């Protein structure tokens, strides 16, 4: 006796399997670099400008965050995607400290405005820690900051917990103190220390 033909199975409704996050590398690495002025925070550039490749020859690492071409100081690089997310994700509110040379002498009102969080074109910033500091002992910038004899300059230590595009520069400009030079010296618990421009060192990683 012939069996009735089997009905074809309906197509599966189960979607494609979700892509699993990449496993951490066998040897996670975290690098602290003192990014020089006029260097792009990337490893390639079609226009022949200076990039991280000119200073870091470690395969597989990439920047954890950005530092503008015209800014200097601490840049973290890693080969661990989870660590990169921990450093850059705004929800972690990782603090960053900058030494900022500004045009002019700040008044108490201007400092208070910076501390309260000035209003920018993309909304108010979070409150910041701001201190008027003595000129720090830094390497000479090449090219040097322009000097105007009739207008004094001052140095501020500014700590923020967010990372908008060119945020510190926009904050100081918003209160009438244009930034002349900007050097990042700390990200979370990691500090620039005595690294000179273009130098890097390996950092320990805590989970």
Protein backbone atom coordinates (compact mmCIF):
# COMPACT_ATOMS: atom_id res chain seq x y z
CA UNK A 1 0.00 0.00 0.00
CA UNK A 2 1.41 3.30 -1.06
CA UNK A 3 2.03 5.90 1.62
CA UNK A 4 0.57 9.34 0.97
CA UNK A 5 3.19 11.83 -0.08
CA UNK A 6 4.62 13.83 2.77
CA UNK A 7 3.72 17.43 2.93
CA UNK A 8 6.70 19.76 2.57
CA UNK A 9 7.83 21.32 5.81
CA UNK A 10 6.93 24.96 6.21
CA UNK A 11 9.89 27.29 6.10
CA UNK A 12 11.46 27.87 9.45
CA UNK A 13 10.42 31.08 11.15
CA UNK A 14 13.53 31.20 13.19
CA UNK A 15 15.63 34.16 12.11
CA UNK A 16 19.32 34.18 11.52
CA UNK A 17 21.39 33.53 14.63
CA UNK A 18 22.54 36.66 16.34
CA UNK A 19 26.16 37.54 15.85
CA UNK A 20 28.04 36.79 19.00
CA UNK A 21 30.45 39.40 20.31
CA UNK A 22 34.02 38.72 19.44
CA UNK A 23 35.90 36.97 22.25
CA UNK A 24 38.58 39.00 23.98
CA UNK A 25 42.08 38.57 22.56
CA UNK A 26 44.35 36.01 24.15
CA UNK A 27 46.66 38.79 25.36
CA UNK A 28 44.71 42.02 25.92
CA UNK A 29 46.94 45.06 25.64
CA UNK A 30 46.50 48.66 26.70
CA UNK A 31 48.91 51.31 25.46
CA UNK A 32 49.33 54.90 26.64
CA UNK A 33 50.65 57.25 23.94
CA UNK A 34 51.58 60.89 24.19
CA UNK A 35 50.02 62.01 20.92
CA UNK A 36 51.96 64.92 19.46
CA UNK A 37 50.38 68.05 18.04
CA UNK A 38 49.24 67.83 14.38
CA UNK A 39 48.90 64.02 14.42
CA UNK A 40 45.64 62.32 13.39
CA UNK A 41 44.04 59.81 15.76
CA UNK A 42 44.04 57.06 13.11
CA UNK A 43 46.54 54.77 11.43
CA UNK A 44 46.04 55.72 7.77
CA UNK A 45 45.55 58.92 5.82
CA UNK A 46 45.23 59.39 2.07
CA UNK A 47 46.64 62.91 2.27
CA UNK A 48 49.98 61.90 3.74
CA UNK A 49 49.46 63.59 7.11
CA UNK A 50 51.07 62.26 10.30
CA UNK A 51 49.14 59.40 11.92
CA UNK A 52 49.51 56.99 14.82
CA UNK A 53 51.36 54.61 12.52
CA UNK A 54 54.35 56.97 12.69
CA UNK A 55 54.68 56.30 16.44
CA UNK A 56 53.02 52.97 17.34
CA UNK A 57 54.15 49.78 15.58
CA UNK A 58 52.00 47.33 17.56
CA UNK A 59 49.69 45.27 15.31
CA UNK A 60 46.03 44.95 16.23
CA UNK A 61 45.62 47.95 18.54
CA UNK A 62 43.26 50.83 17.85
CA UNK A 63 42.36 54.08 19.65
CA UNK A 64 39.97 53.98 22.59
CA UNK A 65 38.45 57.39 21.95
CA UNK A 66 39.71 60.39 20.07
CA UNK A 67 42.04 63.33 20.52
CA UNK A 68 41.79 66.14 17.99
CA UNK A 69 44.61 66.72 15.54
CA UNK A 70 45.43 70.08 17.16
CA UNK A 71 45.40 68.62 20.69
CA UNK A 72 48.18 66.77 22.51
CA UNK A 73 48.67 64.29 25.29
CA UNK A 74 47.24 61.03 26.56
CA UNK A 75 45.66 58.66 24.05
CA UNK A 76 44.79 55.06 24.97
CA UNK A 77 45.03 52.23 22.43
CA UNK A 78 43.92 48.63 22.89
CA UNK A 79 43.31 45.37 21.05
CA UNK A 80 40.39 44.50 23.36
CA UNK A 81 36.95 45.56 22.12
CA UNK A 82 35.33 45.25 25.54
CA UNK A 83 37.95 47.43 27.14
CA UNK A 84 37.60 49.94 24.32
CA UNK A 85 33.86 50.13 25.00
CA UNK A 86 34.45 50.52 28.73
CA UNK A 87 36.72 53.50 28.10
CA UNK A 88 34.59 55.23 25.47
CA UNK A 89 30.96 54.45 26.36
CA UNK A 90 29.36 57.64 27.77
CA UNK A 91 27.32 55.63 30.30
CA UNK A 92 30.53 54.94 32.25
CA UNK A 93 31.16 58.71 32.59
CA UNK A 94 34.91 58.19 32.62
CA UNK A 95 36.51 61.47 33.65
CA UNK A 96 39.20 63.13 31.54
CA UNK A 97 41.52 65.91 32.69
CA UNK A 98 43.04 68.52 30.38
CA UNK A 99 45.58 71.27 30.88
CA UNK A 100 44.30 74.16 28.82
CA UNK A 101 46.11 77.36 27.86
CA UNK A 102 43.55 80.10 27.21
CA UNK A 103 43.69 83.59 25.79
CA UNK A 104 43.26 86.11 28.63
CA UNK A 105 42.96 86.06 32.41
CA UNK A 106 39.85 84.21 33.62
CA UNK A 107 37.51 86.00 36.01
CA UNK A 108 35.71 84.27 38.86
CA UNK A 109 32.49 84.54 36.87
CA UNK A 110 34.06 82.78 33.87
CA UNK A 111 35.43 79.99 36.05
CA UNK A 112 32.03 79.54 37.68
CA UNK A 113 30.39 79.36 34.26
CA UNK A 114 32.80 76.61 33.22
CA UNK A 115 32.18 74.70 36.45
CA UNK A 116 28.41 74.91 36.06
CA UNK A 117 28.52 73.68 32.45
CA UNK A 118 28.14 76.35 29.75
CA UNK A 119 25.43 76.12 27.11
CA UNK A 120 26.77 74.96 23.73
CA UNK A 121 24.97 74.71 20.40
CA UNK A 122 24.18 71.05 21.15
CA UNK A 123 22.92 71.74 24.67
CA UNK A 124 24.35 72.42 28.13
CA UNK A 125 27.40 70.49 29.28
CA UNK A 126 27.64 68.59 32.51
CA UNK A 127 29.25 70.34 35.48
CA UNK A 128 33.05 70.28 35.29
CA UNK A 129 35.96 70.58 37.69
CA UNK A 130 37.93 73.71 36.79
CA UNK A 131 41.00 75.15 38.50
CA UNK A 132 43.25 78.08 37.60
CA UNK A 133 46.79 76.61 37.70
CA UNK A 134 50.36 77.79 37.27
CA UNK A 135 51.93 77.17 33.87
CA UNK A 136 52.83 73.46 33.78
CA UNK A 137 56.27 72.21 32.76
CA UNK A 138 55.57 70.88 29.28
CA UNK A 139 57.58 70.10 26.17
CA UNK A 140 57.73 72.90 23.58
CA UNK A 141 54.94 72.72 21.05
CA UNK A 142 55.95 72.65 17.39
CA UNK A 143 54.90 75.05 15.98
CA UNK A 144 54.73 77.23 19.10
CA UNK A 145 51.54 78.89 20.24
CA UNK A 146 51.22 82.41 18.86
CA UNK A 147 52.34 85.06 21.31
CA UNK A 148 50.72 88.48 21.68
CA UNK A 149 52.54 90.77 24.06
CA UNK A 150 49.48 92.85 25.00
CA UNK A 151 47.22 89.85 25.82
CA UNK A 152 48.19 87.53 28.69
CA UNK A 153 47.52 83.81 28.65
CA UNK A 154 46.46 81.52 31.50
CA UNK A 155 46.36 77.81 32.26
CA UNK A 156 43.35 75.87 33.52
CA UNK A 157 42.93 72.27 34.64
CA UNK A 158 39.54 71.12 33.35
CA UNK A 159 38.02 67.71 34.16
CA UNK A 160 34.93 66.58 32.26
CA UNK A 161 32.92 63.36 32.26
CA UNK A 162 31.57 63.44 28.72
CA UNK A 163 33.19 63.49 25.30
CA UNK A 164 31.48 65.75 22.81
CA UNK A 165 33.32 66.85 19.71
CA UNK A 166 35.92 69.49 20.62
CA UNK A 167 34.07 69.98 23.88
CA UNK A 168 36.74 71.68 26.00
CA UNK A 169 37.58 74.16 23.24
CA UNK A 170 33.92 74.99 22.79
CA UNK A 171 33.41 75.36 26.55
CA UNK A 172 36.22 77.89 26.98
CA UNK A 173 35.14 79.79 23.85
CA UNK A 174 31.57 79.97 25.19
CA UNK A 175 32.75 81.93 28.25
CA UNK A 176 35.13 84.20 26.31
CA UNK A 177 38.40 82.30 26.86
CA UNK A 178 39.58 80.87 23.52
CA UNK A 179 41.82 77.80 23.85
CA UNK A 180 45.39 78.20 22.56
CA UNK A 181 46.80 74.84 23.61
CA UNK A 182 45.16 71.69 24.96
CA UNK A 183 46.96 68.72 26.56
CA UNK A 184 45.10 65.71 27.96
CA UNK A 185 46.86 64.39 31.05
CA UNK A 186 44.45 61.82 32.50
CA UNK A 187 41.69 59.37 31.46
CA UNK A 188 40.03 57.66 34.41
CA UNK A 189 42.87 56.25 36.53
CA UNK A 190 45.40 56.32 33.69
CA UNK A 191 47.80 59.28 33.59
CA UNK A 192 50.17 60.69 31.00
CA UNK A 193 53.05 60.82 33.48
CA UNK A 194 56.48 61.58 32.05
CA UNK A 195 55.82 60.38 28.49
CA UNK A 196 57.27 62.70 25.89
CA UNK A 197 55.56 63.41 22.54
CA UNK A 198 55.50 60.27 20.40
CA UNK A 199 56.48 57.96 23.28
CA UNK A 200 54.25 55.14 24.54
CA UNK A 201 54.21 52.62 27.37
CA UNK A 202 52.28 49.47 28.24
CA UNK A 203 49.63 49.78 30.97
CA UNK A 204 48.25 47.14 33.32
CA UNK A 205 44.62 46.11 32.79
CA UNK A 206 42.24 45.54 35.69
CA UNK A 207 38.97 43.73 35.06
